[in-house]
Protein backbone atom coordinates (compact mmCIF):
# COMPACT_ATOMS: atom_id res chain seq x y z
CA MET A 1 7.96 1.99 2.35
CA THR A 2 4.26 1.17 2.10
CA ASP A 3 2.09 -0.58 4.70
CA ARG A 4 -0.64 -2.71 3.11
CA THR A 5 -2.03 -4.25 6.31
CA ASP A 6 -3.91 -1.12 7.42
CA PRO A 7 -7.67 -1.82 7.03
CA ALA A 8 -8.17 1.84 6.21
CA ASN A 9 -6.16 1.43 3.01
CA PRO A 10 -7.71 3.38 0.11
CA ALA A 11 -8.05 0.13 -1.84
CA GLU A 12 -10.99 -0.75 0.38
CA ALA A 13 -12.46 2.71 0.62
CA SER A 14 -12.66 3.28 -3.14
CA ASP A 15 -15.55 2.15 -5.31
CA PRO A 16 -14.05 0.05 -8.14
CA ALA A 17 -17.47 -0.21 -9.78
CA GLU A 18 -17.09 3.41 -10.80
CA VAL A 19 -14.10 2.40 -12.91
CA THR A 20 -15.24 -0.97 -14.23
CA ALA A 21 -18.80 -0.04 -15.14
CA GLY A 22 -19.77 1.55 -18.42
CA SER A 23 -17.49 2.97 -21.07
CA LEU A 24 -14.29 3.56 -19.06
CA ARG A 25 -14.22 6.92 -20.78
CA GLY A 26 -11.99 8.37 -18.06
CA TRP A 27 -9.53 5.49 -18.00
CA THR A 28 -5.94 6.65 -18.46
CA GLY A 29 -4.02 3.52 -17.47
CA VAL A 30 -1.85 2.92 -14.43
CA GLU A 31 1.80 3.16 -13.49
CA SER A 32 4.18 0.24 -13.30
CA PRO A 33 4.69 -1.15 -9.79
CA ARG A 34 7.46 0.57 -7.90
CA ARG A 35 10.53 -1.12 -6.48
CA GLU A 36 9.73 -0.47 -2.81
CA THR A 37 9.25 -2.42 0.39
CA ILE A 38 5.68 -3.42 1.25
CA SER A 39 5.28 -3.98 4.98
CA GLY A 40 2.93 -6.49 6.54
CA THR A 41 2.29 -7.92 9.99
CA TYR A 42 4.19 -11.19 9.58
CA VAL A 43 6.24 -10.66 6.42
CA ASP A 44 7.56 -7.84 4.28
CA LEU A 45 7.92 -7.86 0.52
CA VAL A 46 11.36 -6.39 -0.13
CA PRO A 47 12.79 -5.70 -3.59
CA LEU A 48 15.15 -8.55 -4.37
CA ASP A 49 18.73 -7.74 -3.34
CA PRO A 50 21.41 -10.35 -4.10
CA ALA A 51 23.66 -9.15 -1.27
CA ALA A 52 20.93 -8.99 1.37
CA HIS A 53 18.86 -12.01 0.39
CA GLY A 54 21.18 -14.35 -1.51
CA ASP A 55 22.26 -16.72 1.25
CA ASP A 56 18.78 -17.02 2.74
CA LEU A 57 17.13 -17.66 -0.63
CA PHE A 58 19.78 -20.17 -1.63
CA ALA A 59 19.02 -22.08 1.57
CA ALA A 60 15.28 -21.92 0.88
CA SER A 61 15.83 -22.99 -2.74
CA THR A 62 18.00 -26.00 -1.91
CA ALA A 63 16.24 -27.24 1.23
CA GLU A 64 14.67 -30.69 1.27
CA GLY A 65 11.88 -30.90 -1.30
CA ALA A 66 13.58 -28.57 -3.79
CA ASP A 67 12.71 -30.74 -6.80
CA GLU A 68 9.03 -30.52 -5.91
CA ARG A 69 9.15 -26.75 -5.34
CA PHE A 70 10.85 -26.18 -8.70
CA ALA A 71 8.75 -28.67 -10.67
CA TYR A 72 6.59 -26.01 -12.29
CA LEU A 73 9.01 -23.06 -12.24
CA PRO A 74 10.88 -22.12 -15.42
CA GLU A 75 14.26 -22.80 -13.80
CA THR A 76 15.71 -25.84 -12.03
CA PRO A 77 17.04 -26.05 -8.45
CA PRO A 78 20.43 -24.32 -8.25
CA ARG A 79 23.40 -26.68 -8.22
CA ASP A 80 25.64 -24.35 -6.24
CA ARG A 81 25.82 -20.87 -4.75
CA GLY A 82 27.66 -19.46 -7.77
CA GLU A 83 24.97 -20.60 -10.18
CA PHE A 84 22.29 -19.21 -7.90
CA GLY A 85 24.15 -15.91 -7.62
CA ALA A 86 24.01 -15.48 -11.40
CA TRP A 87 20.25 -16.05 -11.35
CA LEU A 88 19.85 -13.59 -8.47
CA GLU A 89 21.72 -10.84 -10.29
CA SER A 90 19.56 -11.28 -13.38
CA ALA A 91 16.32 -11.44 -11.41
CA ALA A 92 17.16 -8.39 -9.28
CA ALA A 93 17.88 -6.32 -12.40
CA SER A 94 14.56 -7.22 -14.03
CA ALA A 95 11.67 -4.74 -14.11
CA ASP A 96 9.19 -7.31 -15.45
CA PRO A 97 9.13 -9.72 -13.71
CA LEU A 98 9.68 -7.47 -10.69
CA PHE A 99 11.00 -9.74 -7.94
CA PHE A 100 10.49 -9.39 -4.21
CA ALA A 101 11.99 -11.37 -1.37
CA VAL A 102 9.49 -12.48 1.26
CA VAL A 103 11.17 -11.57 4.55
CA ASP A 104 9.97 -12.99 7.85
CA ARG A 105 9.58 -10.03 10.19
CA ALA A 106 10.32 -12.16 13.27
CA THR A 107 13.66 -13.50 12.03
CA GLY A 108 14.69 -11.05 9.32
CA ARG A 109 15.32 -13.98 6.98
CA ALA A 110 14.20 -14.11 3.35
CA GLU A 111 12.22 -17.35 3.25
CA GLY A 112 10.87 -17.08 -0.29
CA ARG A 113 10.44 -14.94 -3.36
CA GLN A 114 7.70 -13.95 -5.79
CA ALA A 115 7.20 -11.54 -8.66
CA LEU A 116 4.76 -9.12 -10.22
CA MET A 117 4.89 -9.80 -13.93
CA ARG A 118 3.32 -9.42 -17.38
CA VAL A 119 2.56 -5.84 -16.42
CA ASP A 120 0.03 -4.24 -18.77
CA THR A 121 -0.28 -0.64 -17.63
CA ALA A 122 -2.48 0.41 -20.56
CA ASN A 123 -5.20 -2.07 -19.60
CA GLY A 124 -4.55 -2.31 -15.86
CA VAL A 125 -3.63 -6.00 -15.79
CA ILE A 126 -0.89 -7.59 -13.69
CA GLU A 127 0.05 -11.12 -12.66
CA ILE A 128 1.64 -12.68 -9.60
CA GLY A 129 4.00 -15.49 -10.43
CA ASN A 130 7.43 -17.09 -10.20
CA ILE A 131 6.56 -17.97 -6.61
CA LEU A 132 8.93 -20.00 -4.48
CA TRP A 133 7.96 -20.14 -0.83
CA GLY A 134 10.55 -22.15 1.09
CA PRO A 135 9.69 -24.74 3.75
CA ALA A 136 9.73 -22.15 6.57
CA LEU A 137 7.15 -20.05 4.70
CA SER A 138 4.98 -22.44 2.72
CA ARG A 139 1.55 -23.13 4.23
CA THR A 140 1.94 -20.45 6.88
CA ARG A 141 0.12 -17.19 7.53
CA GLY A 142 3.22 -15.48 6.17
CA ALA A 143 2.71 -17.04 2.75
CA THR A 144 -0.92 -15.95 2.67
CA GLU A 145 0.08 -12.46 3.72
CA ALA A 146 2.76 -12.40 0.98
CA PHE A 147 0.03 -13.01 -1.58
CA PHE A 148 -2.30 -10.48 0.06
CA LEU A 149 0.33 -7.74 0.06
CA ALA A 150 0.98 -8.20 -3.66
CA ALA A 151 -2.70 -8.17 -4.57
CA ASP A 152 -3.43 -5.19 -2.37
CA LEU A 153 -0.55 -3.29 -3.89
CA ALA A 154 -1.91 -3.90 -7.37
CA PHE A 155 -5.48 -2.84 -6.66
CA ALA A 156 -4.44 0.17 -4.57
CA ALA A 157 -2.39 1.30 -7.59
CA GLY A 158 -5.51 1.15 -9.78
CA TYR A 159 -5.06 -2.16 -11.58
CA ARG A 160 -8.33 -3.63 -12.78
CA ARG A 161 -7.31 -7.28 -13.01
CA PHE A 162 -4.94 -9.48 -10.98
CA GLU A 163 -4.00 -12.79 -12.58
CA TRP A 164 -2.74 -16.18 -11.42
CA LYS A 165 -1.65 -18.70 -14.05
CA CYS A 166 -0.22 -22.17 -13.59
CA ASN A 167 0.40 -25.47 -15.29
CA ASP A 168 -2.89 -27.34 -15.34
CA ASP A 169 -1.06 -30.32 -13.82
CA ASN A 170 -0.08 -28.22 -10.81
CA VAL A 171 -2.88 -29.20 -8.48
CA PRO A 172 -1.48 -27.43 -5.36
CA SER A 173 -1.25 -24.15 -7.30
CA LYS A 174 -4.85 -24.46 -8.50
CA ARG A 175 -5.96 -25.16 -4.94
CA ALA A 176 -4.10 -22.08 -3.73
CA ALA A 177 -5.79 -19.93 -6.39
CA ALA A 178 -9.20 -21.15 -5.26
CA ARG A 179 -8.32 -20.58 -1.59
CA PHE A 180 -7.21 -17.01 -2.34
CA GLY A 181 -10.53 -16.18 -3.99
CA PHE A 182 -9.58 -16.29 -7.67
CA THR A 183 -12.12 -17.21 -10.33
CA HIS A 184 -11.07 -19.94 -12.74
CA GLU A 185 -11.52 -18.54 -16.24
CA GLY A 186 -10.42 -21.37 -18.46
CA LEU A 187 -7.67 -23.53 -19.90
CA PHE A 188 -5.19 -22.50 -22.59
CA ARG A 189 -4.27 -25.78 -24.24
CA GLN A 190 -0.71 -26.28 -25.52
CA HIS A 191 0.05 -22.77 -24.32
CA MET A 192 3.77 -23.18 -23.63
CA VAL A 193 6.74 -25.51 -23.77
CA VAL A 194 8.54 -25.48 -20.40
CA LYS A 195 11.66 -27.55 -19.79
CA GLY A 196 10.90 -29.51 -22.93
CA VAL A 197 7.39 -30.47 -21.81
CA ASN A 198 3.99 -29.22 -22.99
CA ARG A 199 2.16 -26.91 -20.61
CA ASP A 200 -1.61 -26.45 -20.66
CA THR A 201 -2.16 -23.27 -18.65
CA ALA A 202 -5.01 -22.77 -16.18
CA TRP A 203 -6.05 -19.10 -15.94
CA PHE A 204 -7.44 -17.42 -12.83
CA ALA A 205 -8.20 -13.78 -12.01
CA ILE A 206 -9.56 -11.40 -9.42
CA ILE A 207 -11.02 -8.14 -10.72
CA ASP A 208 -11.15 -4.82 -8.92
CA SER A 209 -14.87 -4.94 -8.11
CA GLU A 210 -14.26 -8.20 -6.20
CA TRP A 211 -11.27 -7.04 -4.21
CA PRO A 212 -12.90 -4.90 -1.46
CA ALA A 213 -14.88 -7.88 -0.11
CA LEU A 214 -11.91 -10.21 -0.49
CA ARG A 215 -9.67 -7.66 1.18
CA ARG A 216 -11.94 -7.50 4.21
CA GLY A 217 -11.81 -11.29 4.46
CA PHE A 218 -8.02 -11.42 4.23
CA THR A 219 -7.64 -8.64 6.79
CA ARG A 220 -9.87 -10.47 9.27
CA TRP A 221 -8.13 -13.81 8.69
CA LEU A 222 -4.67 -12.24 9.10
CA ALA A 223 -5.61 -10.51 12.37
CA PRO A 224 -3.42 -11.78 15.25
CA GLU A 225 -6.50 -12.83 17.22
CA ASN A 226 -7.25 -15.46 14.54
CA PHE A 227 -4.12 -17.42 15.56
CA ASP A 228 -3.07 -19.28 18.67
CA ASP A 229 0.30 -18.95 20.40
CA GLU A 230 1.82 -21.42 17.94
CA GLY A 231 0.62 -19.43 14.94
CA ARG A 232 -2.11 -21.92 14.04
CA GLN A 233 -5.29 -20.50 12.52
CA LEU A 234 -8.48 -20.58 14.55
CA ARG A 235 -10.73 -20.10 11.51
CA ARG A 236 -9.95 -20.96 7.89
CA LEU A 237 -9.50 -18.28 5.25
CA GLU A 238 -12.38 -19.69 3.23
CA GLU A 239 -14.75 -18.85 6.09
CA PHE A 240 -13.84 -15.17 5.83
CA LEU A 241 -13.96 -15.06 2.02
CA ARG A 242 -17.25 -16.92 1.70
CA PRO A 243 -20.03 -14.58 0.47
CA SER A 244 -22.44 -13.71 3.29
């Protein structure tokens, strides 16, 4: 088990510029992400387990608003528990994408899932994707922490680039990328065909030299003192990520 909420994490203490600058003569690549629990303050990222997480994730996947949540995912909302169970078994067995359940520490319930994917260990590039945050998780500090834990895991492991890609029509996803501190790098036109429809893909990335400052901002935003008794933020994340 790894704790990524500790501000003393080596990801912040290291100097990524030493790796990214110059010739990269000493670069030897990185390891694939491990299937292990990543502990946070509000949520944990737990390797997807059909037996442990199936019922909770089925509820999150079929709750009101399911069609909207699945609109830009490669699959459709599950029709029944059996169909969802087959998807769970396949997803849990996958190494890339590597799926995690997002487990609320207060309730022990899996309220969403996400994956690390398109893992390029030779070049140190990894993507977060296949995100489904259910209604109990979406737009909460837990969802932001779920993103933070994944990004921090990647950079602490030595990855040089962390990517976010989405359908260019997916305005909420593009807003989330901007809120999380990604840089928009361009548009890949006619990149994919998803569910029989063209997808132009918007590309975003954070690179390792940017992460220490972003990490400090996330850590300060996620601090318990930034929230009231109802869990409402006192200051917006953008205020902590804004360059000083």
